[in-house]
N, C-alpha and C. Protein backbone atom coordinates (compact mmCIF):
# COMPACT_ATOMS: atom_id res chain seq x y z
N MET A 1 141.48 -120.71 -51.55
CA MET A 1 142.57 -121.63 -50.35
C MET A 1 142.85 -120.34 -49.46
N ASN A 2 142.90 -119.79 -48.64
CA ASN A 2 143.14 -119.02 -47.83
C ASN A 2 144.65 -119.07 -47.79
N GLN A 3 145.39 -118.04 -48.16
CA GLN A 3 146.66 -117.89 -48.17
C GLN A 3 147.31 -116.67 -47.18
N ALA A 4 147.92 -117.34 -45.44
CA ALA A 4 148.72 -117.18 -44.74
C ALA A 4 149.92 -116.31 -45.11
N LYS A 5 149.90 -115.04 -44.88
CA LYS A 5 150.90 -114.23 -44.92
C LYS A 5 152.00 -114.37 -44.58
N LEU A 6 152.56 -115.22 -43.19
CA LEU A 6 153.48 -115.24 -42.88
C LEU A 6 154.62 -114.42 -42.93
N GLY A 7 153.85 -113.31 -42.50
CA GLY A 7 155.10 -111.52 -42.33
C GLY A 7 156.21 -111.54 -43.50
N ARG A 8 155.59 -111.92 -44.97
CA ARG A 8 156.57 -111.81 -46.40
C ARG A 8 155.41 -110.92 -46.92
N THR A 9 156.00 -110.41 -47.99
CA THR A 9 155.67 -109.80 -49.31
C THR A 9 155.12 -111.24 -50.13
N SER A 10 154.30 -111.25 -51.38
CA SER A 10 153.91 -112.14 -51.75
C SER A 10 154.62 -112.57 -53.02
N ALA A 11 155.58 -111.97 -53.15
CA ALA A 11 156.68 -112.64 -54.07
C ALA A 11 158.11 -113.09 -53.24
N HIS A 12 158.50 -112.56 -51.74
CA HIS A 12 158.91 -113.47 -51.03
C HIS A 12 158.30 -114.92 -50.88
N ARG A 13 157.08 -114.81 -50.31
CA ARG A 13 156.28 -115.55 -49.55
C ARG A 13 156.05 -116.99 -50.71
N LYS A 14 156.26 -116.46 -52.17
CA LYS A 14 156.04 -117.72 -53.25
C LYS A 14 157.90 -118.11 -53.04
N ALA A 15 158.57 -117.21 -53.42
CA ALA A 15 159.61 -117.96 -53.87
C ALA A 15 160.05 -118.96 -51.99
N MET A 16 159.70 -118.50 -51.05
CA MET A 16 160.23 -119.38 -49.81
C MET A 16 159.64 -120.76 -49.93
N LEU A 17 158.32 -120.43 -50.37
CA LEU A 17 157.94 -122.12 -50.44
C LEU A 17 157.94 -122.80 -51.58
N ARG A 18 158.30 -122.06 -52.99
CA ARG A 18 159.33 -122.80 -54.15
C ARG A 18 160.30 -123.46 -53.28
N SER A 19 161.31 -122.63 -52.70
CA SER A 19 162.53 -123.23 -51.84
C SER A 19 162.56 -124.67 -51.02
N ILE A 20 161.43 -124.54 -50.46
CA ILE A 20 160.86 -125.60 -49.03
C ILE A 20 160.66 -126.46 -49.75
N VAL A 21 159.30 -126.35 -50.95
CA VAL A 21 159.54 -127.70 -51.94
C VAL A 21 160.51 -128.60 -52.52
N THR A 22 161.44 -127.76 -52.67
CA THR A 22 162.10 -128.55 -54.02
C THR A 22 163.28 -129.00 -52.50
N SER A 23 163.51 -128.32 -51.72
CA SER A 23 164.14 -128.95 -50.48
C SER A 23 163.55 -130.24 -50.43
N LEU A 24 162.03 -130.25 -49.83
CA LEU A 24 161.31 -131.60 -49.15
C LEU A 24 161.42 -132.49 -50.53
N PHE A 25 161.41 -132.04 -51.64
CA PHE A 25 161.67 -133.45 -52.62
C PHE A 25 162.67 -133.82 -52.43
N GLU A 26 163.91 -133.14 -52.68
CA GLU A 26 165.03 -133.19 -52.57
C GLU A 26 165.80 -134.18 -51.54
N HIS A 27 165.21 -133.44 -50.17
CA HIS A 27 165.89 -134.40 -49.22
C HIS A 27 164.43 -135.76 -48.62
N GLU A 28 163.41 -135.82 -49.26
CA GLU A 28 162.52 -136.21 -48.61
C GLU A 28 161.71 -135.98 -47.54
N ARG A 29 162.76 -135.17 -46.54
CA ARG A 29 161.99 -134.19 -45.41
C ARG A 29 162.27 -132.75 -45.52
N VAL A 30 161.71 -132.16 -44.13
CA VAL A 30 162.16 -131.20 -43.96
C VAL A 30 161.82 -130.45 -42.81
N ARG A 31 162.22 -129.99 -42.23
CA ARG A 31 162.30 -129.05 -40.75
C ARG A 31 161.71 -128.06 -41.02
N THR A 32 160.65 -126.97 -40.58
CA THR A 32 160.19 -126.03 -40.93
C THR A 32 159.13 -125.47 -39.75
N THR A 33 158.52 -124.31 -39.64
CA THR A 33 157.72 -123.91 -38.58
C THR A 33 156.42 -124.49 -39.26
N GLU A 34 155.63 -124.77 -38.42
CA GLU A 34 154.21 -125.23 -38.45
C GLU A 34 153.60 -124.14 -39.00
N GLY A 35 153.64 -122.71 -39.43
CA GLY A 35 153.08 -122.03 -40.02
C GLY A 35 153.07 -122.25 -41.65
N LYS A 36 155.07 -122.81 -41.83
CA LYS A 36 154.99 -122.76 -43.16
C LYS A 36 154.31 -123.95 -43.49
N ALA A 37 154.46 -125.24 -42.73
CA ALA A 37 154.49 -126.12 -43.06
C ALA A 37 152.72 -126.59 -43.57
N ARG A 38 151.94 -125.39 -42.97
CA ARG A 38 150.50 -125.58 -43.25
C ARG A 38 150.44 -125.02 -44.99
N GLN A 39 150.74 -124.24 -45.23
CA GLN A 39 151.26 -123.88 -46.24
C GLN A 39 151.46 -124.69 -47.30
N LEU A 40 152.86 -125.01 -47.13
CA LEU A 40 154.12 -126.07 -47.94
C LEU A 40 152.84 -127.33 -47.92
N GLU A 41 152.14 -128.22 -47.50
CA GLU A 41 151.46 -129.10 -47.84
C GLU A 41 150.45 -129.20 -49.04
N PRO A 42 149.81 -128.58 -49.33
CA PRO A 42 148.78 -128.64 -50.47
C PRO A 42 149.07 -128.42 -51.82
N VAL A 43 150.92 -127.35 -51.28
CA VAL A 43 151.38 -127.08 -52.89
C VAL A 43 152.39 -128.40 -52.94
N ALA A 44 152.54 -129.30 -52.31
CA ALA A 44 153.77 -130.57 -52.52
C ALA A 44 152.29 -131.82 -52.96
N GLU A 45 151.45 -131.52 -52.79
CA GLU A 45 150.23 -132.64 -52.77
C GLU A 45 149.60 -132.57 -54.71
N LYS A 46 150.01 -131.26 -54.90
CA LYS A 46 149.77 -131.02 -56.36
C LYS A 46 150.62 -131.36 -56.89
N LEU A 47 151.94 -130.78 -56.70
CA LEU A 47 153.08 -131.44 -57.32
C LEU A 47 153.40 -132.68 -57.49
N ILE A 48 152.89 -133.41 -56.26
CA ILE A 48 152.94 -135.03 -56.83
C ILE A 48 152.07 -135.21 -57.73
N THR A 49 150.90 -134.66 -57.43
CA THR A 49 149.79 -135.28 -58.37
C THR A 49 149.79 -135.48 -59.90
N LEU A 50 150.20 -133.88 -60.21
CA LEU A 50 150.87 -134.17 -61.71
C LEU A 50 151.83 -134.77 -61.87
N ALA A 51 153.50 -134.58 -60.99
CA ALA A 51 153.93 -135.94 -61.45
C ALA A 51 153.34 -137.62 -61.38
N LYS A 52 152.52 -137.81 -60.63
CA LYS A 52 151.90 -139.06 -61.41
C LYS A 52 150.96 -139.06 -62.04
N ARG A 53 150.42 -137.86 -63.33
CA ARG A 53 150.30 -137.95 -64.34
C ARG A 53 151.27 -138.29 -65.17
N GLY A 54 152.15 -137.73 -65.25
CA GLY A 54 153.57 -137.99 -65.77
C GLY A 54 153.55 -137.47 -67.52
N ASP A 55 152.69 -136.42 -68.20
CA ASP A 55 152.90 -136.40 -69.37
C ASP A 55 153.29 -134.85 -69.33
N LEU A 56 153.92 -134.53 -70.44
CA LEU A 56 154.70 -133.20 -70.67
C LEU A 56 154.09 -132.59 -70.07
N HIS A 57 153.13 -132.10 -70.23
CA HIS A 57 152.26 -130.64 -69.84
C HIS A 57 152.95 -130.96 -67.86
N ALA A 58 152.49 -131.56 -67.81
CA ALA A 58 152.49 -131.46 -65.93
C ALA A 58 153.79 -132.10 -66.02
N ARG A 59 154.99 -132.21 -66.60
CA ARG A 59 156.29 -131.86 -66.25
C ARG A 59 156.63 -130.66 -66.37
N ARG A 60 156.19 -130.14 -67.23
CA ARG A 60 156.62 -128.37 -67.77
C ARG A 60 155.88 -127.62 -66.38
N LEU A 61 154.84 -128.27 -65.92
CA LEU A 61 154.05 -127.30 -64.57
C LEU A 61 154.68 -127.67 -63.56
N VAL A 62 155.46 -128.78 -63.59
CA VAL A 62 156.49 -129.11 -62.26
C VAL A 62 157.35 -127.94 -62.29
N ALA A 63 158.34 -128.40 -63.29
CA ALA A 63 159.75 -127.65 -63.69
C ALA A 63 159.41 -126.16 -63.74
N GLY A 64 158.11 -125.61 -63.84
CA GLY A 64 158.14 -124.31 -63.63
C GLY A 64 157.76 -123.44 -62.02
N TYR A 65 158.19 -124.72 -61.66
CA TYR A 65 157.55 -124.63 -60.11
C TYR A 65 158.83 -124.62 -58.41
N VAL A 66 159.13 -125.90 -59.16
CA VAL A 66 160.42 -126.46 -58.41
C VAL A 66 161.45 -125.93 -58.85
N ARG A 67 162.76 -125.67 -58.59
CA ARG A 67 163.75 -125.07 -58.62
C ARG A 67 165.13 -125.49 -59.59
N SER A 68 164.90 -127.02 -59.38
CA SER A 68 165.93 -127.65 -59.88
C SER A 68 165.44 -128.58 -60.79
N ASP A 69 166.45 -128.75 -62.21
CA ASP A 69 166.04 -129.84 -62.96
C ASP A 69 166.06 -131.57 -62.46
N ALA A 70 167.23 -131.42 -61.92
CA ALA A 70 167.48 -132.72 -60.79
C ALA A 70 166.32 -133.19 -60.03
N VAL A 71 165.83 -131.87 -59.35
CA VAL A 71 165.08 -132.42 -58.25
C VAL A 71 163.27 -132.95 -58.84
N THR A 72 163.30 -132.15 -60.29
CA THR A 72 162.19 -132.49 -60.91
C THR A 72 162.16 -134.13 -61.58
N LYS A 73 163.11 -134.24 -61.99
CA LYS A 73 163.59 -135.69 -62.48
C LYS A 73 163.27 -136.69 -61.66
N LYS A 74 163.83 -136.64 -60.32
CA LYS A 74 163.81 -137.02 -59.48
C LYS A 74 161.90 -137.47 -58.87
N LEU A 75 161.08 -136.00 -58.62
CA LEU A 75 160.21 -136.00 -58.49
C LEU A 75 159.02 -137.13 -59.71
N PHE A 76 159.47 -136.94 -60.94
CA PHE A 76 159.18 -138.18 -62.04
C PHE A 76 159.31 -139.31 -61.69
N ASP A 77 160.84 -139.47 -61.64
CA ASP A 77 161.07 -140.82 -62.01
C ASP A 77 161.04 -141.82 -60.30
N THR A 78 161.13 -141.05 -59.35
CA THR A 78 161.39 -141.91 -57.95
C THR A 78 160.20 -141.84 -57.10
N ILE A 79 159.63 -140.64 -56.92
CA ILE A 79 158.87 -139.99 -56.09
C ILE A 79 157.67 -140.55 -56.88
N ALA A 80 157.09 -140.38 -57.79
CA ALA A 80 155.96 -140.56 -58.33
C ALA A 80 155.53 -141.80 -58.36
N PRO A 81 156.44 -142.39 -58.87
CA PRO A 81 155.57 -144.52 -59.11
C PRO A 81 155.58 -144.90 -57.70
N ARG A 82 155.87 -144.13 -56.76
CA ARG A 82 155.96 -144.74 -55.41
C ARG A 82 154.59 -144.75 -54.86
N TYR A 83 153.65 -143.45 -55.55
CA TYR A 83 152.25 -143.29 -55.09
C TYR A 83 151.25 -143.59 -56.15
N LYS A 84 151.53 -144.26 -57.32
CA LYS A 84 150.48 -144.70 -58.28
C LYS A 84 149.45 -145.32 -57.54
N ASP A 85 149.58 -145.86 -56.32
CA ASP A 85 147.99 -146.72 -56.28
C ASP A 85 147.70 -145.63 -54.65
N ARG A 86 148.29 -144.60 -54.29
CA ARG A 86 147.67 -143.88 -53.63
C ARG A 86 146.92 -142.48 -54.31
N GLN A 87 145.72 -141.99 -53.60
CA GLN A 87 144.69 -141.38 -54.24
C GLN A 87 144.95 -140.18 -52.84
N GLY A 88 145.88 -139.34 -52.49
CA GLY A 88 146.43 -138.35 -52.04
C GLY A 88 147.30 -138.60 -50.60
N GLY A 89 146.83 -137.88 -49.68
CA GLY A 89 147.97 -137.87 -48.28
C GLY A 89 149.43 -138.06 -48.45
N TYR A 90 150.47 -137.39 -49.55
CA TYR A 90 151.48 -137.82 -49.58
C TYR A 90 152.32 -137.17 -48.26
N VAL A 91 152.16 -136.56 -47.57
CA VAL A 91 153.03 -135.44 -46.67
C VAL A 91 152.41 -135.59 -45.40
N ARG A 92 153.49 -135.82 -44.53
CA ARG A 92 153.36 -136.03 -43.09
C ARG A 92 153.84 -134.83 -42.45
N THR A 93 153.13 -134.29 -41.57
CA THR A 93 153.53 -133.75 -40.25
C THR A 93 153.67 -133.98 -39.36
N VAL A 94 154.87 -133.77 -38.65
CA VAL A 94 154.90 -134.22 -37.44
C VAL A 94 155.72 -133.18 -36.76
N LYS A 95 155.36 -132.54 -35.07
CA LYS A 95 155.31 -131.48 -34.92
C LYS A 95 156.72 -131.92 -33.56
N LEU A 96 157.20 -131.05 -33.24
CA LEU A 96 158.60 -131.00 -33.00
C LEU A 96 158.27 -130.75 -31.53
N GLY A 97 157.94 -129.61 -31.42
CA GLY A 97 157.96 -128.33 -30.34
C GLY A 97 158.30 -127.38 -30.52
N GLU A 98 158.38 -126.23 -29.75
CA GLU A 98 159.01 -125.08 -29.30
C GLU A 98 160.47 -124.97 -29.94
N ARG A 99 160.93 -124.47 -30.96
CA ARG A 99 162.12 -124.04 -30.67
C ARG A 99 162.39 -122.77 -29.70
N ARG A 100 164.06 -122.79 -29.83
CA ARG A 100 164.43 -122.65 -27.90
C ARG A 100 164.26 -120.77 -28.70
N GLY A 101 164.82 -120.28 -29.46
CA GLY A 101 165.56 -118.75 -29.80
C GLY A 101 163.97 -118.06 -29.90
N ASP A 102 162.96 -118.60 -30.47
CA ASP A 102 162.29 -117.74 -30.44
C ASP A 102 160.33 -118.17 -30.64
N ALA A 103 160.51 -119.45 -29.68
CA ALA A 103 159.26 -120.22 -29.19
C ALA A 103 158.43 -120.46 -30.35
N ALA A 104 158.74 -120.57 -31.76
CA ALA A 104 158.04 -120.90 -32.89
C ALA A 104 158.10 -122.46 -33.34
N SER A 105 156.61 -122.66 -32.73
CA SER A 105 156.48 -124.42 -33.01
C SER A 105 156.98 -124.82 -34.34
N GLU A 106 158.11 -126.23 -34.35
CA GLU A 106 158.36 -126.20 -35.27
C GLU A 106 157.73 -127.54 -35.71
N VAL A 107 157.65 -128.00 -36.99
CA VAL A 107 157.33 -129.54 -37.38
C VAL A 107 158.28 -130.26 -38.48
N ILE A 108 158.61 -131.16 -38.70
CA ILE A 108 158.90 -131.92 -39.83
C ILE A 108 157.85 -132.25 -40.47
N VAL A 109 158.28 -131.89 -42.13
CA VAL A 109 157.33 -132.57 -42.84
C VAL A 109 158.06 -133.34 -43.86
N GLU A 110 157.29 -134.83 -44.13
CA GLU A 110 158.10 -135.39 -44.76
C GLU A 110 157.38 -136.32 -45.45
N LEU A 111 157.78 -136.87 -46.43
CA LEU A 111 157.25 -137.79 -48.12
C LEU A 111 156.46 -138.97 -46.66
N VAL A 112 155.51 -139.57 -47.11
CA VAL A 112 154.90 -140.86 -46.99
C VAL A 112 155.62 -142.52 -47.74
C-alpha cells in the first residue's frame, strides 16, 4: 500500500490514524479531510474484518491499534456482528466540499 505522508513524520501519521480510527468506531462517523480519509478506510476495513473473526488473537491485534478498551469492546460486541454477512465495504465516504479556512476538501467517513 502506498502511504501518503500527509505532511507528518511516520510516528505522527500512525498516531493520527489510530486516533481517527478510534473516533470512527466510537461515534460511527467522523469528519476529516479527503487525504486522511483515503488512509483511514483500509485500516478501518481491516480492523472490522479482524473483529468479525472474533478470536482472542484478533482481539489482541485490534486492542493494540485502537486506543480505547471500551471502543474495542464496542467493535467486537456491536459493530462486527452487524457486518457478519457482508464481505467488505463497511466504510462510506461522503464529500462535503471545501473547508472555509484553508480550502481543504472535507469528507464525512461513516460506517455503512
